[in-house]
Amino acid sequence: MRVRHRFGPCGVGLVLVVVSACGTSPVDPLGSGSVTPSTAASGRAVVVGASTSTESSVLAELYAQAMTAHGVPAATRTGLGSPDEARRALQEGSVSVLPEYTGDLLLSLDPNATATTAAEVAQALPAALPTGQRVLASSPAADQDVYVVTRDFARRHGLATLADLKKVSAGLTLGGPAELETLAYGPAALTSIYGVTVKGFRPDDSVTMRARDLTAGRLQLATFGTTESVLAAHGYVELGDPQEIVLPQNVVPLTSAAVAEDAIARRAVESVQAALTTADLAALDERVDAAHVAPAEVARDWLQGQGLS
């Protein structure tokens, strides 16, 4: 795991948890009125964690750089592993902010959740959180998980929705991130809700390798996020989900209570949330994955373009 160090307004290098305080009193550059004391004034840095995905690293950089630009020292800690492993890091206190997705987060906390719409999911999340954790405002930007097949496979079997997969009598080998196997919309749901025969599940957290296996026919079905560039690059067919087993996946910051109660940090992160769109997110991911630009640089350019840094 690598930490990208940032510098506060006094030029002091940040460390993971504690930095020297650089100011005598907090100032809220995002609004007027009284604010709670900032972590910058208390001498503590906000550590934004990220799982192994490109998008998680980009979002972490957006949050950290936005906070730093508004006087809250922040650093990133990327490569935390799977989403579950990243959540453990927040629970243990080694990070204090994580980029998350509303539906996935809710189901990880409450597998029996009955919420289905974006508003219902957002309303259910706070009560499901562990003690000491908060969610900030969700973004209109979303990275929806979708099941896809190759265009040739869809044409040969007449596939348009998940319900059509019953036509594939020989069964399917499904590929997805390791956590998919236990998610509420994973292989078990395909069988119980859509009557689909899944003969095998091949876990692979690498989007590139999953796409390669799907194109080569080693997989017949795979999941990807809708912002991932491989969908358009390979012309995959997204299968409709008439039973809505996949919940809305809006971007949402999961934070410690301390960050949520810090008015400057909260407003800086939520300004990113309000400005970010799904199209932006897809473009940012593509710059990293296709053009090989570092997440930190991609985030910096977007923040400057939005006037948030």
C-alpha atoms as a PDB file:
ATOM      1  CA  MET A   1       0.000   0.000   0.000  1.00  0.00           C
ATOM      2  CA  ARG A   2       1.291   3.434  -0.862  1.00  0.00           C
ATOM      3  CA  VAL A   3       0.404   6.802   0.576  1.00  0.00           C
ATOM      4  CA  ARG A   4       0.503   9.832  -1.665  1.00  0.00           C
ATOM      5  CA  HIS A   5       1.739  12.587   0.631  1.00  0.00           C
ATOM      6  CA  ARG A   6       0.288  16.050   0.307  1.00  0.00           C
ATOM      7  CA  PHE A   7       1.297  19.358   1.776  1.00  0.00           C
ATOM      8  CA  GLY A   8      -0.677  21.730   3.920  1.00  0.00           C
ATOM      9  CA  PRO A   9      -0.657  25.509   3.570  1.00  0.00           C
ATOM     10  CA  CYS A  10       2.545  25.820   5.618  1.00  0.00           C
ATOM     11  CA  GLY A  11       4.440  23.352   3.418  1.00  0.00           C
ATOM     12  CA  VAL A  12       4.571  20.669   6.097  1.00  0.00           C
ATOM     13  CA  GLY A  13       4.441  17.105   4.738  1.00  0.00           C
ATOM     14  CA  LEU A  14       1.400  15.169   5.845  1.00  0.00           C
ATOM     15  CA  VAL A  15       1.577  11.780   7.441  1.00  0.00           C
ATOM     16  CA  LEU A  16      -1.196   9.277   7.738  1.00  0.00           C
ATOM     17  CA  VAL A  17      -2.803  10.435  10.937  1.00  0.00           C
ATOM     18  CA  VAL A  18      -1.170  13.420  12.613  1.00  0.00           C
ATOM     19  CA  VAL A  19       0.376  16.584  11.183  1.00  0.00           C
ATOM     20  CA  SER A  20       1.532  19.834  12.680  1.00  0.00           C
ATOM     21  CA  ALA A  21      -1.229  22.420  12.872  1.00  0.00           C
ATOM     22  CA  CYS A  22      -0.625  25.245  10.403  1.00  0.00           C
ATOM     23  CA  GLY A  23      -3.302  27.756  11.397  1.00  0.00           C
ATOM     24  CA  THR A  24      -4.542  29.483  14.490  1.00  0.00           C
ATOM     25  CA  SER A  25      -8.234  29.487  13.667  1.00  0.00           C
ATOM     26  CA  PRO A  26     -10.430  27.671  11.154  1.00  0.00           C
ATOM     27  CA  VAL A  27     -11.832  29.609   8.238  1.00  0.00           C
ATOM     28  CA  ASP A  28     -14.652  28.282   6.094  1.00  0.00           C
ATOM     29  CA  PRO A  29     -13.816  29.187   2.473  1.00  0.00           C
ATOM     30  CA  LEU A  30     -16.964  27.491   1.172  1.00  0.00           C
ATOM     31  CA  GLY A  31     -19.508  29.520   3.048  1.00  0.00           C
ATOM     32  CA  SER A  32     -20.166  31.945   5.874  1.00  0.00           C
ATOM     33  CA  GLY A  33     -21.450  31.510   9.389  1.00  0.00           C
ATOM     34  CA  SER A  34     -20.284  29.436  12.325  1.00  0.00           C
ATOM     35  CA  VAL A  35     -18.499  26.147  11.701  1.00  0.00           C
ATOM     36  CA  THR A  36     -17.225  23.342  13.862  1.00  0.00           C
ATOM     37  CA  PRO A  37     -13.440  23.348  14.335  1.00  0.00           C
ATOM     38  CA  SER A  38     -11.646  21.852  11.347  1.00  0.00           C
ATOM     39  CA  THR A  39      -9.327  18.868  11.534  1.00  0.00           C
ATOM     40  CA  ALA A  40      -6.721  21.252  10.100  1.00  0.00           C
ATOM     41  CA  ALA A  41      -6.889  23.310  13.283  1.00  0.00           C
ATOM     42  CA  SER A  42      -6.736  20.243  15.528  1.00  0.00           C
ATOM     43  CA  GLY A  43      -3.586  18.969  13.822  1.00  0.00           C
ATOM     44  CA  ARG A  44      -5.126  15.766  12.457  1.00  0.00           C
ATOM     45  CA  ALA A  45      -5.072  14.852   8.778  1.00  0.00           C
ATOM     46  CA  VAL A  46      -7.967  13.245   7.003  1.00  0.00           C
ATOM     47  CA  VAL A  47      -6.866   9.984   5.377  1.00  0.00           C
ATOM     48  CA  VAL A  48      -8.927   9.008   2.343  1.00  0.00           C
ATOM     49  CA  GLY A  49      -8.738   5.314   1.561  1.00  0.00           C
ATOM     50  CA  ALA A  50      -9.357   3.474  -1.701  1.00  0.00           C
ATOM     51  CA  SER A  51      -9.843  -0.122  -2.752  1.00  0.00           C
ATOM     52  CA  THR A  52      -7.832  -1.558  -5.629  1.00  0.00           C
ATOM     53  CA  SER A  53     -10.086  -0.203  -8.389  1.00  0.00           C
ATOM     54  CA  THR A  54      -9.146   2.699 -10.639  1.00  0.00           C
ATOM     55  CA  GLU A  55     -12.336   4.553  -9.805  1.00  0.00           C
ATOM     56  CA  SER A  56     -11.834   4.249  -6.065  1.00  0.00           C
ATOM     57  CA  SER A  57      -8.365   5.798  -6.397  1.00  0.00           C
ATOM     58  CA  VAL A  58      -9.702   8.639  -8.560  1.00  0.00           C
ATOM     59  CA  LEU A  59     -12.503   9.417  -6.101  1.00  0.00           C
ATOM     60  CA  ALA A  60     -10.086   9.286  -3.169  1.00  0.00           C
ATOM     61  CA  GLU A  61      -7.862  11.829  -4.910  1.00  0.00           C
ATOM     62  CA  LEU A  62     -10.829  14.086  -5.658  1.00  0.00           C
ATOM     63  CA  TYR A  63     -11.896  14.105  -2.007  1.00  0.00           C
ATOM     64  CA  ALA A  64      -8.376  14.527  -0.610  1.00  0.00           C
ATOM     65  CA  GLN A  65      -7.377  17.304  -2.997  1.00  0.00           C
ATOM     66  CA  ALA A  66     -10.658  19.174  -2.485  1.00  0.00           C
ATOM     67  CA  MET A  67     -10.176  19.115   1.277  1.00  0.00           C
ATOM     68  CA  THR A  68      -6.527  20.154   1.004  1.00  0.00           C
ATOM     69  CA  ALA A  69      -7.484  23.057  -1.257  1.00  0.00           C
ATOM     70  CA  HIS A  70      -9.886  24.294   1.412  1.00  0.00           C
ATOM     71  CA  GLY A  71      -7.446  24.118   4.295  1.00  0.00           C
ATOM     72  CA  VAL A  72      -8.043  20.605   5.611  1.00  0.00           C
ATOM     73  CA  PRO A  73      -4.839  18.520   5.430  1.00  0.00           C
ATOM     74  CA  ALA A  74      -5.588  15.262   3.629  1.00  0.00           C
ATOM     75  CA  ALA A  75      -3.715  12.292   2.220  1.00  0.00           C
ATOM     76  CA  THR A  76      -4.700   9.195   0.265  1.00  0.00           C
ATOM     77  CA  ARG A  77      -4.074   5.570   1.097  1.00  0.00           C
ATOM     78  CA  THR A  78      -4.808   3.448  -1.942  1.00  0.00           C
ATOM     79  CA  GLY A  79      -4.664  -0.270  -2.716  1.00  0.00           C
ATOM     80  CA  LEU A  80      -6.549  -1.340   0.405  1.00  0.00           C
ATOM     81  CA  GLY A  81      -7.874  -4.459  -1.341  1.00  0.00           C
ATOM     82  CA  SER A  82     -11.494  -5.403  -1.863  1.00  0.00           C
ATOM     83  CA  PRO A  83     -14.341  -3.111  -0.776  1.00  0.00           C
ATOM     84  CA  ASP A  84     -14.797  -5.241   2.355  1.00  0.00           C
ATOM     85  CA  GLU A  85     -11.102  -4.884   3.211  1.00  0.00           C
ATOM     86  CA  ALA A  86     -11.296  -1.122   2.682  1.00  0.00           C
ATOM     87  CA  ARG A  87     -14.322  -0.962   5.007  1.00  0.00           C
ATOM     88  CA  ARG A  88     -12.335  -2.799   7.671  1.00  0.00           C
ATOM     89  CA  ALA A  89      -9.621  -0.152   7.390  1.00  0.00           C
ATOM     90  CA  LEU A  90     -12.237   2.520   8.126  1.00  0.00           C
ATOM     91  CA  GLN A  91     -13.619   0.515  11.032  1.00  0.00           C
ATOM     92  CA  GLU A  92     -10.108   0.106  12.464  1.00  0.00           C
ATOM     93  CA  GLY A  93      -9.358   3.820  12.058  1.00  0.00           C
ATOM     94  CA  SER A  94      -6.423   3.689   9.623  1.00  0.00           C
ATOM     95  CA  VAL A  95      -8.503   5.720   7.138  1.00  0.00           C
ATOM     96  CA  SER A  96     -11.317   8.162   7.789  1.00  0.00           C
ATOM     97  CA  VAL A  97     -13.032   8.502   4.399  1.00  0.00           C
ATOM     98  CA  LEU A  98     -13.893   5.901   1.743  1.00  0.00           C
ATOM     99  CA  PRO A  99     -15.556   6.299  -1.664  1.00  0.00           C
ATOM    100  CA  GLU A 100     -18.557   3.970  -1.707  1.00  0.00           C
ATOM    101  CA  TYR A 101     -21.676   3.169  -3.724  1.00  0.00           C
ATOM    102  CA  THR A 102     -25.076   3.431  -2.088  1.00  0.00           C
ATOM    103  CA  GLY A 103     -26.616   0.100  -3.071  1.00  0.00           C
ATOM    104  CA  ASP A 104     -23.526  -2.025  -2.513  1.00  0.00           C
ATOM    105  CA  LEU A 105     -22.858  -0.371   0.831  1.00  0.00           C
ATOM    106  CA  LEU A 106     -26.418  -0.916   2.040  1.00  0.00           C
ATOM    107  CA  LEU A 107     -26.429  -4.594   1.049  1.00  0.00           C
ATOM    108  CA  SER A 108     -23.041  -5.155   2.692  1.00  0.00           C
ATOM    109  CA  LEU A 109     -24.506  -3.809   5.942  1.00  0.00           C
ATOM    110  CA  ASP A 110     -28.025  -5.222   5.623  1.00  0.00           C
ATOM    111  CA  PRO A 111     -28.400  -8.125   3.165  1.00  0.00           C
ATOM    112  CA  ASN A 112     -32.151  -8.143   3.861  1.00  0.00           C
ATOM    113  CA  ALA A 113     -32.699  -4.483   2.977  1.00  0.00           C
ATOM    114  CA  THR A 114     -35.940  -3.884   1.104  1.00  0.00           C
ATOM    115  CA  ALA A 115     -35.074  -0.492  -0.424  1.00  0.00           C
ATOM    116  CA  THR A 116     -35.143  -0.415  -4.219  1.00  0.00           C
ATOM    117  CA  THR A 117     -35.109   3.201  -5.435  1.00  0.00           C
ATOM    118  CA  ALA A 118     -32.196   5.622  -5.105  1.00  0.00           C
ATOM    119  CA  ALA A 119     -34.144   7.686  -2.562  1.00  0.00           C
ATOM    120  CA  GLU A 120     -35.090   4.622  -0.500  1.00  0.00           C
ATOM    121  CA  VAL A 121     -31.492   3.372  -0.457  1.00  0.00           C
ATOM    122  CA  ALA A 122     -30.179   6.783   0.628  1.00  0.00           C
ATOM    123  CA  GLN A 123     -32.801   6.950   3.381  1.00  0.00           C
ATOM    124  CA  ALA A 124     -31.993   3.444   4.671  1.00  0.00           C
ATOM    125  CA  LEU A 125     -28.217   3.837   4.780  1.00  0.00           C
ATOM    126  CA  PRO A 126     -27.697   5.964   7.931  1.00  0.00           C
ATOM    127  CA  ALA A 127     -29.566   3.549  10.203  1.00  0.00           C
ATOM    128  CA  ALA A 128     -27.583   0.592   8.855  1.00  0.00           C
ATOM    129  CA  LEU A 129     -24.148   2.093   9.561  1.00  0.00           C
ATOM    130  CA  PRO A 130     -21.883   0.887  12.383  1.00  0.00           C
ATOM    131  CA  THR A 131     -21.424   3.183  15.360  1.00  0.00           C
ATOM    132  CA  GLY A 132     -19.031   6.018  14.587  1.00  0.00           C
ATOM    133  CA  GLN A 133     -19.557   6.009  10.816  1.00  0.00           C
ATOM    134  CA  ARG A 134     -21.520   8.416   8.635  1.00  0.00           C
ATOM    135  CA  VAL A 135     -22.418   8.899   4.984  1.00  0.00           C
ATOM    136  CA  LEU A 136     -22.269  12.316   3.351  1.00  0.00           C
ATOM    137  CA  ALA A 137     -24.532  13.443   0.513  1.00  0.00           C
ATOM    138  CA  SER A 138     -24.725  10.987  -2.363  1.00  0.00           C
ATOM    139  CA  SER A 139     -23.831  12.163  -5.864  1.00  0.00           C
ATOM    140  CA  PRO A 140     -25.900  12.057  -9.056  1.00  0.00           C
ATOM    141  CA  ALA A 141     -22.859  10.225 -10.457  1.00  0.00           C
ATOM    142  CA  ALA A 142     -23.379   6.476 -10.398  1.00  0.00           C
ATOM    143  CA  ASP A 143     -21.425   3.393 -11.372  1.00  0.00           C
ATOM    144  CA  GLN A 144     -24.135   0.791 -11.748  1.00  0.00           C
ATOM    145  CA  ASP A 145     -23.143  -2.865 -11.774  1.00  0.00           C
ATOM    146  CA  VAL A 146     -24.462  -4.587 -14.893  1.00  0.00           C
ATOM    147  CA  TYR A 147     -24.390  -8.101 -16.281  1.00  0.00           C
ATOM    148  CA  VAL A 148     -23.041  -8.239 -19.819  1.00  0.00           C
ATOM    149  CA  VAL A 149     -22.429 -10.724 -22.630  1.00  0.00           C
ATOM    150  CA  THR A 150     -20.613 -10.429 -25.926  1.00  0.00           C
ATOM    151  CA  ARG A 151     -22.586  -9.143 -28.879  1.00  0.00           C
ATOM    152  CA  ASP A 152     -22.180 -12.471 -30.680  1.00  0.00           C
ATOM    153  CA  PHE A 153     -23.417 -14.462 -27.673  1.00  0.00           C
ATOM    154  CA  ALA A 154     -26.448 -12.179 -27.305  1.00  0.00           C
ATOM    155  CA  ARG A 155     -27.309 -12.538 -30.985  1.00  0.00           C
ATOM    156  CA  ARG A 156     -26.940 -16.342 -31.053  1.00  0.00           C
ATOM    157  CA  HIS A 157     -29.170 -16.840 -28.004  1.00  0.00           C
ATOM    158  CA  GLY A 158     -31.586 -13.924 -28.406  1.00  0.00           C
ATOM    159  CA  LEU A 159     -30.565 -12.213 -25.145  1.00  0.00           C
ATOM    160  CA  ALA A 160     -31.793  -8.795 -24.045  1.00  0.00           C
ATOM    161  CA  THR A 161     -32.477  -9.201 -20.300  1.00  0.00           C
ATOM    162  CA  LEU A 162     -31.338 -11.412 -17.447  1.00  0.00           C
ATOM    163  CA  ALA A 163     -34.580 -13.356 -17.767  1.00  0.00           C
ATOM    164  CA  ASP A 164     -33.505 -14.439 -21.271  1.00  0.00           C
ATOM    165  CA  LEU A 165     -30.483 -16.276 -19.873  1.00  0.00           C
ATOM    166  CA  LYS A 166     -32.770 -19.245 -19.157  1.00  0.00           C
ATOM    167  CA  LYS A 167     -32.464 -19.951 -22.884  1.00  0.00           C
ATOM    168  CA  VAL A 168     -28.822 -20.955 -22.407  1.00  0.00           C
ATOM    169  CA  SER A 169     -29.512 -24.571 -21.493  1.00  0.00           C
ATOM    170  CA  ALA A 170     -25.882 -25.615 -21.000  1.00  0.00           C
ATOM    171  CA  GLY A 171     -25.422 -23.199 -18.122  1.00  0.00           C
ATOM    172  CA  LEU A 172     -23.098 -20.257 -17.784  1.00  0.00           C
ATOM    173  CA  THR A 173     -19.688 -19.505 -16.373  1.00  0.00           C
ATOM    174  CA  LEU A 174     -19.956 -16.148 -14.642  1.00  0.00           C
ATOM    175  CA  GLY A 175     -17.072 -13.785 -13.976  1.00  0.00           C
ATOM    176  CA  GLY A 176     -16.973 -10.905 -11.539  1.00  0.00           C
ATOM    177  CA  PRO A 177     -15.133  -9.434  -8.571  1.00  0.00           C
ATOM    178  CA  ALA A 178     -14.708 -11.890  -5.709  1.00  0.00           C
ATOM    179  CA  GLU A 179     -17.363 -10.188  -3.584  1.00  0.00           C
ATOM    180  CA  LEU A 180     -20.033 -10.800  -6.240  1.00  0.00           C
ATOM    181  CA  GLU A 181     -20.393 -14.414  -5.114  1.00  0.00           C
ATOM    182  CA  THR A 182     -21.957 -13.346  -1.822  1.00  0.00           C
ATOM    183  CA  LEU A 183     -23.796 -10.197  -2.915  1.00  0.00           C
ATOM    184  CA  ALA A 184     -27.597 -10.133  -2.938  1.00  0.00           C
ATOM    185  CA  TYR A 185     -27.595  -9.767  -6.736  1.00  0.00           C
ATOM    186  CA  GLY A 186     -24.908 -12.402  -7.327  1.00  0.00           C
ATOM    187  CA  PRO A 187     -25.115 -15.942  -8.748  1.00  0.00           C
ATOM    188  CA  ALA A 188     -27.689 -17.125  -6.191  1.00  0.00           C
ATOM    189  CA  ALA A 189     -30.060 -14.325  -7.194  1.00  0.00           C
ATOM    190  CA  LEU A 190     -29.695 -15.166 -10.874  1.00  0.00           C
ATOM    191  CA  THR A 191     -30.895 -18.683 -10.048  1.00  0.00           C
ATOM    192  CA  SER A 192     -33.579 -17.895  -7.480  1.00  0.00           C
ATOM    193  CA  ILE A 193     -35.085 -14.836  -9.196  1.00  0.00           C
ATOM    194  CA  TYR A 194     -34.395 -15.400 -12.878  1.00  0.00           C
ATOM    195  CA  GLY A 195     -34.126 -19.215 -12.989  1.00  0.00           C
ATOM    196  CA  VAL A 196     -30.680 -19.035 -14.599  1.00  0.00           C
ATOM    197  CA  THR A 197     -28.303 -21.998 -14.393  1.00  0.00           C
ATOM    198  CA  VAL A 198     -24.862 -20.775 -13.300  1.00  0.00           C
ATOM    199  CA  LYS A 199     -22.516 -23.730 -13.608  1.00  0.00           C
ATOM    200  CA  GLY A 200     -19.471 -21.904 -12.302  1.00  0.00           C
ATOM    201  CA  PHE A 201     -18.268 -18.613 -10.869  1.00  0.00           C
ATOM    202  CA  ARG A 202     -14.785 -17.332 -11.693  1.00  0.00           C
ATOM    203  CA  PRO A 203     -13.723 -14.526  -9.325  1.00  0.00           C
ATOM    204  CA  ASP A 204     -11.376 -11.930 -10.766  1.00  0.00           C
ATOM    205  CA  ASP A 205     -10.984  -8.397  -9.435  1.00  0.00           C
ATOM    206  CA  SER A 206      -9.090  -7.359 -12.578  1.00  0.00           C
ATOM    207  CA  VAL A 207     -11.411  -5.656 -15.053  1.00  0.00           C
ATOM    208  CA  THR A 208      -8.897  -6.187 -17.853  1.00  0.00           C
ATOM    209  CA  MET A 209      -8.586  -9.928 -17.258  1.00  0.00           C
ATOM    210  CA  ARG A 210     -12.343 -10.348 -16.876  1.00  0.00           C
ATOM    211  CA  ALA A 211     -12.913  -8.618 -20.206  1.00  0.00           C
ATOM    212  CA  ARG A 212     -10.255 -10.765 -21.837  1.00  0.00           C
ATOM    213  CA  ASP A 213     -11.884 -13.959 -20.561  1.00  0.00           C
ATOM    214  CA  LEU A 214     -15.360 -12.857 -21.653  1.00  0.00           C
ATOM    215  CA  THR A 215     -14.191 -11.954 -25.156  1.00  0.00           C
ATOM    216  CA  ALA A 216     -12.276 -15.235 -25.459  1.00  0.00           C
ATOM    217  CA  GLY A 217     -15.315 -17.271 -24.414  1.00  0.00           C
ATOM    218  CA  ARG A 218     -13.874 -18.550 -21.151  1.00  0.00           C
ATOM    219  CA  LEU A 219     -16.743 -16.660 -19.545  1.00  0.00           C
ATOM    220  CA  GLN A 220     -20.232 -16.401 -20.989  1.00  0.00           C
ATOM    221  CA  LEU A 221     -21.467 -13.754 -18.553  1.00  0.00           C
ATOM    222  CA  ALA A 222     -19.673 -11.099 -16.513  1.00  0.00           C
ATOM    223  CA  THR A 223     -20.339  -8.038 -14.389  1.00  0.00           C
ATOM    224  CA  PHE A 224     -18.777  -4.618 -14.862  1.00  0.00           C
ATOM    225  CA  GLY A 225     -19.515  -1.106 -13.698  1.00  0.00           C
ATOM    226  CA  THR A 226     -21.242   1.155 -16.197  1.00  0.00           C
ATOM    227  CA  THR A 227     -18.395   3.694 -16.058  1.00  0.00           C
ATOM    228  CA  GLU A 228     -15.757   1.149 -17.095  1.00  0.00           C
ATOM    229  CA  SER A 229     -14.311   1.774 -20.546  1.00  0.00           C
ATOM    230  CA  VAL A 230     -14.224  -1.923 -21.499  1.00  0.00           C
ATOM    231  CA  LEU A 231     -17.986  -1.895 -22.123  1.00  0.00           C
ATOM    232  CA  ALA A 232     -17.768   0.428 -25.094  1.00  0.00           C
ATOM    233  CA  ALA A 233     -14.337  -0.782 -26.165  1.00  0.00           C
ATOM    234  CA  HIS A 234     -15.579  -4.366 -26.631  1.00  0.00           C
ATOM    235  CA  GLY A 235     -19.166  -3.588 -27.580  1.00  0.00           C
ATOM    236  CA  TYR A 236     -20.607  -5.747 -24.818  1.00  0.00           C
ATOM    237  CA  VAL A 237     -24.373  -6.034 -24.487  1.00  0.00           C
ATOM    238  CA  GLU A 238     -25.771  -4.905 -21.137  1.00  0.00           C
ATOM    239  CA  LEU A 239     -28.619  -7.178 -20.078  1.00  0.00           C
ATOM    240  CA  GLY A 240     -31.725  -5.533 -18.660  1.00  0.00           C
ATOM    241  CA  ASP A 241     -32.713  -6.234 -15.067  1.00  0.00           C
ATOM    242  CA  PRO A 242     -36.549  -6.233 -15.015  1.00  0.00           C
ATOM    243  CA  GLN A 243     -36.689  -7.516 -11.413  1.00  0.00           C
ATOM    244  CA  GLU A 244     -34.242  -4.783 -10.287  1.00  0.00           C
ATOM    245  CA  ILE A 245     -31.981  -7.097  -8.309  1.00  0.00           C
ATOM    246  CA  VAL A 246     -29.111  -4.595  -8.638  1.00  0.00           C
ATOM    247  CA  LEU A 247     -29.764  -1.589  -6.423  1.00  0.00           C
ATOM    248  CA  PRO A 248     -28.907   1.999  -7.453  1.00  0.00           C
ATOM    249  CA  GLN A 249     -25.173   2.616  -7.090  1.00  0.00           C
ATOM    250  CA  ASN A 250     -24.687   6.344  -6.564  1.00  0.00           C
ATOM    251  CA  VAL A 251     -21.294   7.497  -5.371  1.00  0.00           C
ATOM    252  CA  VAL A 252     -21.328   8.246  -1.646  1.00  0.00           C
ATOM    253  CA  PRO A 253     -18.526   9.052   0.826  1.00  0.00           C
ATOM    254  CA  LEU A 254     -18.422   6.809   3.899  1.00  0.00           C
ATOM    255  CA  THR A 255     -16.659   8.667   6.714  1.00  0.00           C
ATOM    256  CA  SER A 256     -15.805   8.661  10.354  1.00  0.00           C
ATOM    257  CA  ALA A 257     -18.070  10.726  12.602  1.00  0.00           C
ATOM    258  CA  ALA A 258     -15.228  13.220  13.096  1.00  0.00           C
ATOM    259  CA  VAL A 259     -14.998  14.007   9.387  1.00  0.00           C
ATOM    260  CA  ALA A 260     -18.777  14.256   8.996  1.00  0.00           C
ATOM    261  CA  GLU A 261     -18.886  16.746  11.872  1.00  0.00           C
ATOM    262  CA  ASP A 262     -16.075  18.887  10.420  1.00  0.00           C
ATOM    263  CA  ALA A 263     -17.978  21.553   8.476  1.00  0.00           C
ATOM    264  CA  ILE A 264     -15.094  22.524   6.180  1.00  0.00           C
ATOM    265  CA  ALA A 265     -14.122  18.950   5.304  1.00  0.00           C
ATOM    266  CA  ARG A 266     -17.753  17.996   4.768  1.00  0.00           C
ATOM    267  CA  ARG A 267     -18.508  20.930   2.491  1.00  0.00           C
ATOM    268  CA  ALA A 268     -15.343  20.351   0.456  1.00  0.00           C
ATOM    269  CA  VAL A 269     -16.225  16.700  -0.184  1.00  0.00           C
ATOM    270  CA  GLU A 270     -19.881  17.434  -0.839  1.00  0.00           C
ATOM    271  CA  SER A 271     -18.941  20.107  -3.382  1.00  0.00           C
ATOM    272  CA  VAL A 272     -17.249  17.315  -5.347  1.00  0.00           C
ATOM    273  CA  GLN A 273     -20.314  15.128  -4.899  1.00  0.00           C
ATOM    274  CA  ALA A 274     -22.654  17.805  -6.249  1.00  0.00           C
ATOM    275  CA  ALA A 275     -20.540  18.605  -9.316  1.00  0.00           C
ATOM    276  CA  LEU A 276     -19.608  15.061 -10.365  1.00  0.00           C
ATOM    277  CA  THR A 277     -21.624  13.349 -13.103  1.00  0.00           C
ATOM    278  CA  THR A 278     -21.635   9.775 -14.368  1.00  0.00           C
ATOM    279  CA  ALA A 279     -20.125  10.974 -17.653  1.00  0.00           C
ATOM    280  CA  ASP A 280     -17.354  12.749 -15.733  1.00  0.00           C
ATOM    281  CA  LEU A 281     -16.609   9.599 -13.774  1.00  0.00           C
ATOM    282  CA  ALA A 282     -16.379   7.480 -16.918  1.00  0.00           C
ATOM    283  CA  ALA A 283     -14.057  10.027 -18.547  1.00  0.00           C
ATOM    284  CA  LEU A 284     -11.818  10.194 -15.478  1.00  0.00           C
ATOM    285  CA  ASP A 285     -11.562   6.402 -15.335  1.00  0.00           C
ATOM    286  CA  GLU A 286     -10.707   6.243 -19.036  1.00  0.00           C
ATOM    287  CA  ARG A 287      -7.883   8.774 -18.677  1.00  0.00           C
ATOM    288  CA  VAL A 288      -6.305   6.536 -16.053  1.00  0.00           C
ATOM    289  CA  ASP A 289      -6.970   3.167 -17.714  1.00  0.00           C
ATOM    290  CA  ALA A 290      -6.484   4.065 -21.388  1.00  0.00           C
ATOM    291  CA  ALA A 291      -4.192   7.112 -21.342  1.00  0.00           C
ATOM    292  CA  HIS A 292      -2.280   5.940 -18.245  1.00  0.00           C
ATOM    293  CA  VAL A 293      -2.509   9.293 -16.480  1.00  0.00           C
ATOM    294  CA  ALA A 294      -2.035   9.102 -12.707  1.00  0.00           C
ATOM    295  CA  PRO A 295      -5.232   9.362 -10.613  1.00  0.00           C
ATOM    296  CA  ALA A 296      -3.761  12.342  -8.745  1.00  0.00           C
ATOM    297  CA  GLU A 297      -3.251  14.269 -11.996  1.00  0.00           C
ATOM    298  CA  VAL A 298      -6.665  13.330 -13.364  1.00  0.00           C
ATOM    299  CA  ALA A 299      -8.317  14.507 -10.140  1.00  0.00           C
ATOM    300  CA  ARG A 300      -6.338  17.759 -10.084  1.00  0.00           C
ATOM    301  CA  ASP A 301      -7.360  18.635 -13.637  1.00  0.00           C
ATOM    302  CA  TRP A 302     -11.051  17.948 -12.995  1.00  0.00           C
ATOM    303  CA  LEU A 303     -11.084  19.958  -9.753  1.00  0.00           C
ATOM    304  CA  GLN A 304      -9.428  22.901 -11.480  1.00  0.00           C
ATOM    305  CA  GLY A 305     -11.954  22.729 -14.303  1.00  0.00           C
ATOM    306  CA  GLN A 306     -14.808  22.803 -11.783  1.00  0.00           C
ATOM    307  CA  GLY A 307     -13.276  25.641  -9.765  1.00  0.00           C
ATOM    308  CA  LEU A 308     -12.965  23.406  -6.704  1.00  0.00           C
ATOM    309  CA  SER A 309      -9.236  23.752  -6.091  1.00  0.00           C
END
